[in-house]
Protein backbone atom coordinates (compact mmCIF):
# COMPACT_ATOMS: atom_id res chain seq x y z
CA MET A 1 114.53 121.84 155.71
CA VAL A 2 111.87 125.20 154.27
CA ALA A 3 110.56 124.78 151.16
CA THR A 4 111.89 127.73 149.14
CA ARG A 5 109.42 127.23 145.80
CA LEU A 6 105.88 127.07 146.83
CA ASN A 7 103.20 126.39 144.54
CA SER A 8 100.76 128.65 146.49
CA ILE A 9 102.72 131.59 146.07
CA GLN A 10 102.89 131.02 142.73
CA ILE A 11 99.20 130.88 142.07
CA MET A 12 98.51 134.18 143.71
CA ARG A 13 101.70 135.88 141.79
CA GLY A 14 99.90 134.67 138.78
CA ILE A 15 95.97 135.60 139.91
CA ALA A 16 97.60 139.19 140.93
CA ALA A 17 98.99 139.86 137.67
CA LEU A 18 95.83 138.84 135.84
CA ILE A 19 93.72 140.74 138.38
CA VAL A 20 96.62 143.93 137.71
CA VAL A 21 95.86 143.92 133.26
CA ALA A 22 91.70 143.25 134.24
CA PHE A 23 92.01 146.49 135.95
CA HIS A 24 93.81 148.25 133.26
CA ILE A 25 90.50 147.20 130.66
CA ARG A 26 87.85 147.35 132.76
CA TYR A 27 86.59 150.22 130.78
CA ASN A 28 85.99 147.24 127.40
CA LEU A 29 83.17 146.22 129.60
CA SER A 30 80.82 149.42 129.75
CA VAL A 31 79.52 148.61 126.82
CA TYR A 32 76.38 146.47 128.49
CA GLU A 33 73.46 147.99 130.23
CA GLN A 34 75.34 148.01 133.00
CA LYS A 35 77.36 150.73 132.26
CA ASN A 36 79.95 150.22 135.08
CA LEU A 37 80.05 146.73 135.16
CA GLY A 38 84.12 146.71 134.13
CA ASP A 39 84.43 148.84 137.84
CA LEU A 40 81.76 146.40 140.06
CA MET A 41 83.98 143.71 138.60
CA PHE A 42 87.05 145.15 139.13
CA SER A 43 87.71 148.35 140.54
CA ASN A 44 89.60 146.74 143.49
CA GLY A 45 91.84 145.64 140.50
CA GLU A 46 95.58 147.64 142.30
CA VAL A 47 95.19 145.30 145.26
CA GLY A 48 97.01 143.23 142.88
CA VAL A 49 100.02 145.54 143.07
CA TYR A 50 99.88 145.45 147.28
CA LEU A 51 99.46 141.31 146.96
CA PHE A 52 103.13 141.79 144.28
CA PHE A 53 104.47 143.67 147.74
CA VAL A 54 103.32 140.92 150.02
CA ILE A 55 105.00 138.29 148.17
CA SER A 56 108.22 139.78 147.37
CA GLY A 57 109.05 140.49 151.05
CA PHE A 58 107.64 136.53 151.30
CA ILE A 59 110.32 134.79 148.56
CA ILE A 60 113.25 137.24 149.28
CA SER A 61 113.55 136.18 152.65
CA LEU A 62 112.68 133.01 152.60
CA SER A 63 114.87 132.58 149.63
CA THR A 64 118.22 134.10 151.54
CA ARG A 65 117.23 131.19 154.48
CA ARG A 66 119.80 129.53 152.20
CA LYS A 67 123.31 131.83 153.23
CA GLU A 68 124.15 134.22 150.01
CA SER A 69 126.93 136.64 149.55
CA PRO A 70 125.17 140.14 148.43
CA LEU A 71 126.95 140.17 145.39
CA GLU A 72 125.40 136.98 144.65
CA PHE A 73 121.51 138.53 145.41
CA SER A 74 122.65 141.27 144.05
CA ILE A 75 123.33 139.86 140.85
CA LYS A 76 119.77 137.68 141.18
CA ARG A 77 117.80 140.35 141.61
CA LEU A 78 118.92 143.15 139.29
CA LEU A 79 118.93 140.45 136.60
CA ARG A 80 115.76 139.20 137.53
CA ILE A 81 114.19 142.50 137.04
CA TYR A 82 116.37 144.14 134.33
CA PRO A 83 115.80 141.92 131.24
CA PRO A 84 112.61 141.95 131.13
CA TYR A 85 112.25 145.50 132.36
CA ILE A 86 114.84 146.50 130.00
CA PHE A 87 113.16 144.51 126.79
CA SER A 88 109.33 145.75 127.42
CA PHE A 89 110.75 149.80 127.81
CA ALA A 90 112.83 149.09 124.67
CA VAL A 91 109.60 147.62 122.68
CA LEU A 92 107.55 150.67 124.23
CA LEU A 93 109.71 153.58 123.30
CA PHE A 94 109.64 151.52 119.29
CA LEU A 95 105.68 151.53 119.12
CA LEU A 96 104.69 154.89 120.57
CA ASN A 97 107.47 156.90 118.87
CA GLU A 98 106.95 159.89 121.04
CA ASN A 99 109.73 162.33 121.70
CA TYR A 100 110.21 162.23 125.81
CA ARG A 101 112.51 164.25 127.90
CA LEU A 102 115.33 162.90 128.22
CA MET A 103 115.25 162.98 131.79
CA ASP A 104 112.28 160.86 132.04
CA VAL A 105 113.90 158.41 129.85
CA VAL A 106 117.00 158.26 132.39
CA LYS A 107 114.40 158.53 135.70
CA SER A 108 112.29 155.63 133.91
CA LEU A 109 115.72 153.36 132.82
CA ILE A 110 116.99 153.51 137.10
CA LEU A 111 113.32 153.66 137.92
CA ILE A 112 113.18 156.44 139.83
CA PRO A 113 109.39 158.04 139.67
CA LEU A 114 108.95 161.10 137.12
CA ASN A 115 107.24 163.86 139.20
CA SER A 116 108.90 163.80 142.93
CA HIS A 117 105.90 166.43 143.20
CA ALA A 118 103.04 164.56 142.38
CA ALA A 119 100.70 162.56 144.48
CA GLY A 120 101.99 159.05 145.67
CA PRO A 121 102.59 156.13 145.46
CA TYR A 122 102.48 156.80 141.93
CA TYR A 123 104.28 160.04 141.78
CA GLY A 124 104.11 160.76 138.45
CA TYR A 125 104.27 156.93 137.11
CA SER A 126 107.03 156.03 134.59
CA ILE A 127 107.08 156.02 130.85
CA LEU A 128 106.39 152.65 130.77
CA LEU A 129 103.07 153.07 133.01
CA VAL A 130 103.24 150.07 135.45
CA ALA A 131 107.01 150.63 136.20
CA TRP A 132 106.13 152.78 139.25
CA THR A 133 105.99 149.23 141.56
CA LEU A 134 109.78 148.50 140.10
CA SER A 135 110.58 151.58 142.03
CA TYR A 136 109.40 150.47 145.30
CA GLU A 137 110.46 147.03 144.14
CA LEU A 138 114.29 148.02 144.02
CA PHE A 139 114.31 149.76 146.82
CA PHE A 140 113.06 146.87 148.88
CA TYR A 141 116.08 144.59 147.31
CA PHE A 142 118.65 147.91 148.37
CA CYS A 143 116.79 147.76 152.03
CA PHE A 144 117.60 143.75 152.23
CA LEU A 145 120.82 143.88 150.82
CA VAL A 146 122.16 146.00 153.02
CA SER A 147 120.56 144.17 156.22
CA MET A 148 121.59 140.96 154.92
CA SER A 149 125.29 142.76 155.09
CA LEU A 150 125.23 143.73 158.58
CA SER A 151 123.34 140.38 160.07
CA GLN A 152 122.32 136.91 158.18
CA LYS A 153 119.86 136.36 161.12
CA TYR A 154 118.69 139.34 161.78
CA ARG A 155 117.97 140.03 157.74
CA ALA A 156 114.52 140.11 158.08
CA VAL A 157 113.85 142.02 160.96
CA ILE A 158 116.59 145.24 160.42
CA CYS A 159 115.00 145.41 156.95
CA SER A 160 111.96 145.71 158.48
CA LEU A 161 113.46 148.47 161.15
CA ILE A 162 114.79 150.25 157.97
CA LEU A 163 111.34 150.65 156.08
CA SER A 164 109.49 151.12 159.06
CA SER A 165 111.56 154.41 159.93
CA LEU A 166 111.39 155.18 156.55
CA ILE A 167 107.83 155.80 156.85
CA ILE A 168 107.74 157.19 160.21
CA PHE A 169 110.87 159.63 159.92
CA GLY A 170 110.31 160.62 156.27
CA ASN A 171 106.39 161.71 156.82
CA TYR A 172 106.96 163.34 159.79
CA TYR A 173 109.89 165.46 157.90
CA LEU A 174 107.87 165.45 154.46
CA PHE A 175 104.85 166.58 156.13
CA GLY A 176 104.22 167.09 160.06
CA SER A 177 102.31 164.12 160.18
CA ILE A 178 102.66 159.93 160.97
CA GLY A 179 99.91 157.92 158.67
CA VAL A 180 99.63 154.91 156.68
CA ASN A 181 97.72 155.58 153.91
CA PRO A 182 100.13 155.04 150.54
CA HIS A 183 97.74 157.94 148.93
CA THR A 184 99.80 160.44 150.21
CA ARG A 185 99.11 163.68 149.42
CA ALA A 186 101.46 166.06 147.06
CA PHE A 187 104.95 167.16 147.91
CA ASP A 188 105.34 170.84 147.11
CA GLY A 189 108.80 171.15 148.82
CA GLY A 190 112.46 170.91 147.63
CA GLY A 191 115.75 169.27 149.59
CA ILE A 192 117.43 166.06 149.60
CA PHE A 193 114.13 163.90 149.32
CA ALA A 194 112.78 165.42 146.46
CA SER A 195 114.05 162.68 144.23
CA ILE A 196 113.52 160.09 145.80
CA ILE A 197 110.69 160.61 148.18
CA PHE A 198 108.83 157.47 146.75
CA ILE A 199 111.01 155.97 149.73
CA THR A 200 108.97 157.46 152.33
CA ASN A 201 105.16 155.79 150.73
CA PRO A 202 103.51 153.45 153.21
CA ILE A 203 102.77 151.52 150.68
CA ILE A 204 106.27 149.90 151.36
CA ILE A 205 104.38 148.19 154.51
CA ASN A 206 103.46 145.42 152.36
CA PHE A 207 107.08 144.38 152.53
CA ILE A 208 107.34 143.78 155.70
CA LEU A 209 104.34 142.22 156.36
CA GLY A 210 105.73 139.84 153.59
CA MET A 211 108.40 139.29 155.59
CA LEU A 212 106.61 137.91 158.43
CA ALA A 213 104.14 136.46 156.87
CA GLU A 214 107.71 133.73 155.90
CA PHE A 215 108.68 134.35 159.63
CA ILE A 216 105.55 133.11 160.60
CA TYR A 217 105.47 130.42 157.65
CA SER A 218 109.36 129.12 158.76
CA ASN A 219 108.70 129.02 162.04
CA THR A 220 105.65 126.85 162.18
CA LYS A 221 106.20 123.19 163.10
CA THR A 222 103.84 121.46 160.83
CA ASN A 223 104.87 117.92 161.46
CA ASN A 224 102.78 118.68 165.22
CA LYS A 225 99.94 116.75 164.30
CA LEU A 226 97.40 119.16 166.10
CA LEU A 227 98.72 122.11 165.25
CA ASN A 228 98.20 120.51 161.05
CA LYS A 229 95.13 119.85 161.97
CA ALA A 230 94.57 123.31 163.41
CA ILE A 231 95.90 125.06 160.64
CA LYS A 232 94.26 122.57 158.17
CA MET A 233 90.68 123.99 159.69
CA LEU A 234 91.19 127.70 160.01
CA ALA A 235 93.93 128.63 157.54
CA PRO A 236 90.94 128.02 154.53
CA ILE A 237 88.49 130.52 157.00
CA VAL A 238 91.08 132.76 156.94
CA ALA A 239 91.97 132.36 153.54
CA VAL A 240 88.17 133.48 152.49
CA ILE A 241 87.93 136.01 154.68
CA SER A 242 91.11 137.91 152.97
CA VAL A 243 89.27 137.78 149.80
CA TRP A 244 86.60 139.25 151.25
CA GLY A 245 89.08 141.95 152.72
CA MET A 246 90.22 142.71 149.45
CA LEU A 247 87.14 142.92 147.51
CA SER A 248 86.17 145.35 150.38
CA PRO A 249 89.16 147.44 152.02
CA SER A 250 87.53 149.99 154.30
CA MET A 251 87.12 146.84 156.21
CA TRP A 252 90.59 146.77 157.21
CA MET A 253 92.24 149.55 158.78
CA GLY A 254 90.70 152.04 156.46
CA GLU A 255 94.22 153.42 155.68
CA MET A 256 96.25 150.43 154.96
CA GLN A 257 93.55 149.47 152.52
CA TRP A 258 94.46 145.86 151.09
CA ALA A 259 97.87 145.36 153.29
CA ILE A 260 96.66 143.38 155.76
CA PRO A 261 93.53 140.81 153.50
CA CYS A 262 97.13 139.95 151.77
CA PHE A 263 98.95 139.15 154.81
CA GLY A 264 96.30 137.24 155.29
CA LEU A 265 95.85 135.68 152.48
CA VAL A 266 99.80 134.88 151.81
CA THR A 267 100.20 133.19 155.26
CA SER A 268 97.24 131.49 155.04
CA LEU A 269 98.22 129.54 152.49
CA SER A 270 101.81 128.79 152.21
CA LEU A 271 100.93 127.19 155.58
CA LEU A 272 98.07 125.53 154.35
CA GLU A 273 100.54 123.99 151.11
CA LYS A 274 103.57 123.07 154.03
CA SER A 275 100.49 121.39 156.00
CA GLY A 276 100.39 119.17 153.14
CA VAL A 277 97.49 120.58 151.55
CA SER A 278 97.95 119.77 147.61
CA PHE A 279 98.20 123.62 145.01
CA GLU A 280 99.26 121.03 142.28
CA PHE A 281 97.49 122.73 139.25
CA PRO A 282 100.04 123.03 136.53
CA ASN A 283 98.28 125.89 134.00
CA LEU A 284 98.28 128.20 136.92
CA VAL A 285 101.80 127.93 139.03
CA LYS A 286 103.00 128.45 134.58
CA ILE A 287 100.95 131.71 135.00
CA GLY A 288 102.25 133.09 138.49
CA ALA A 289 106.48 131.94 136.61
CA MET A 290 105.67 134.17 133.91
CA SER A 291 103.56 136.83 136.41
CA PHE A 292 106.22 139.20 135.82
CA SER A 293 106.38 138.69 132.48
CA ILE A 294 102.35 139.45 131.87
CA TYR A 295 102.64 142.75 134.18
CA LEU A 296 105.02 143.95 132.21
CA ILE A 297 104.25 143.20 128.37
CA HIS A 298 100.33 143.91 128.97
CA PRO A 299 100.53 148.06 128.79
CA ILE A 300 101.62 147.25 125.59
CA ILE A 301 99.70 145.23 124.61
CA ILE A 302 96.27 147.25 125.19
CA GLU A 303 98.45 150.02 123.41
CA LEU A 304 98.90 147.51 120.22
CA LEU A 305 95.53 146.72 120.22
CA SER A 306 93.72 150.52 120.64
CA GLN A 307 95.35 150.98 117.12
CA LYS A 308 93.04 151.71 114.58
CA TYR A 309 93.98 149.39 112.77
CA PHE A 310 92.41 146.81 115.16
CA VAL A 311 89.70 147.81 115.48
CA ILE A 312 87.82 146.19 112.82
CA PHE A 313 87.96 142.84 114.08
CA TRP A 314 86.87 143.30 117.28
CA GLN A 315 84.29 145.38 119.43
CA ASP A 316 84.44 146.49 123.13
CA GLY A 317 82.86 143.89 125.15
CA PHE A 318 84.02 140.34 126.60
CA THR A 319 84.97 139.58 123.52
CA LYS A 320 87.84 142.31 123.13
CA PHE A 321 88.19 141.72 126.93
CA SER A 322 89.48 138.08 126.77
CA VAL A 323 91.10 138.85 123.78
CA ILE A 324 92.95 140.77 125.42
CA ILE A 325 94.05 138.43 128.46
CA LEU A 326 94.94 135.74 125.51
CA ILE A 327 97.18 137.29 123.48
CA THR A 328 98.72 138.99 126.79
CA VAL A 329 99.29 135.61 128.39
CA PHE A 330 100.53 133.98 124.96
CA ALA A 331 103.37 137.43 124.38
CA SER A 332 104.41 137.28 128.20
CA ARG A 333 104.97 132.55 127.36
CA ILE A 334 107.17 134.42 124.75
CA MET A 335 109.10 136.90 126.69
CA TYR A 336 109.51 134.72 129.59
CA GLU A 337 111.36 131.88 127.66
CA THR A 338 113.58 134.11 125.41
CA ILE A 339 114.33 137.45 127.84
CA GLU A 340 113.31 135.91 131.50
CA ILE A 341 115.07 132.16 131.16
CA PRO A 342 117.80 133.07 129.57
CA SER A 343 118.98 135.92 132.15
CA GLN A 344 118.25 133.78 135.47
CA LYS A 345 120.49 131.18 133.53
CA LEU A 346 122.48 133.74 133.48
CA ALA A 347 122.73 134.92 136.94
CA ARG A 348 123.30 131.04 137.80
CA LYS A 349 126.67 131.11 136.02
CA LEU A 350 127.54 134.45 137.17
CA ILE A 351 127.09 133.48 140.96
CA SER A 352 128.90 129.95 139.80
CA LYS A 353 131.66 131.53 139.11
CA ILE A 354 132.13 134.10 141.84
CA ARG A 355 132.06 131.16 144.31
């Protein structure tokens, strides 16, 4: 039986979350003689989002190898996303105390980007800044739900076809051309696609690559000694090249940016673990488990620590940079244990009642 919980995947999730945090606070490192130090170190921090999406495609495809009903899938996924998100969203609204437009609040709650006429892949972001990615995540879940309702066996194939079709036909219809660059130009039209233009953005290729990585992982027979040895020799090389690609996105198919190296990293490390290499790093695995909380709460921590009454405690630089990360991890641990874990337990309880 194929393992559905991999330490390598959890570790990558944790690292992806911390990379995103570092990207958002890199400006704190601009106080040194090297004024662009933060950019030099973390300007490619957006790679964390791409890695999240590839991992998501991998996990969803892998976890559904154990047959579950569309209702069970929906319960798991909605309770995975919404309780932590609603909590974070409510805390942010309370802290900022700003008068947002009702429509913007509604759009943010149902995870629709705020401005369909802005450039992709952000489309005006969301009130909770990082929630723009959850729009894609939730849409991927919907497509996968439809796919597994049609065929359990070919769910990943069908989902990949749906997503690919949206990229190809959507971009041709909207812009008159087909491309793979997620940083699309602003859409100035109207019609049926106006509010949901994000579903055609090429960034969803990352989910397809994640499902492909899972297919390779699940269908690689590591009980073959020769193949097992080859994986242990080649996978680390692929992983190193992939990390290099993340640091130098221009070397990978140009417009696709970090999609290919993220695919390479997820595929190589998951196969390496399957071949018997240990990824027993408890602290990193724990951070991976808390990665969603880290991702959601770090903008709130940044906003809170930017208030004037916190300025007296530290100046910009590595001290403040480190403090923000430490406080984020600490707050995420609390959120994970008080919001995420109970939500997951509730999901399991509801599923046990409908079986």
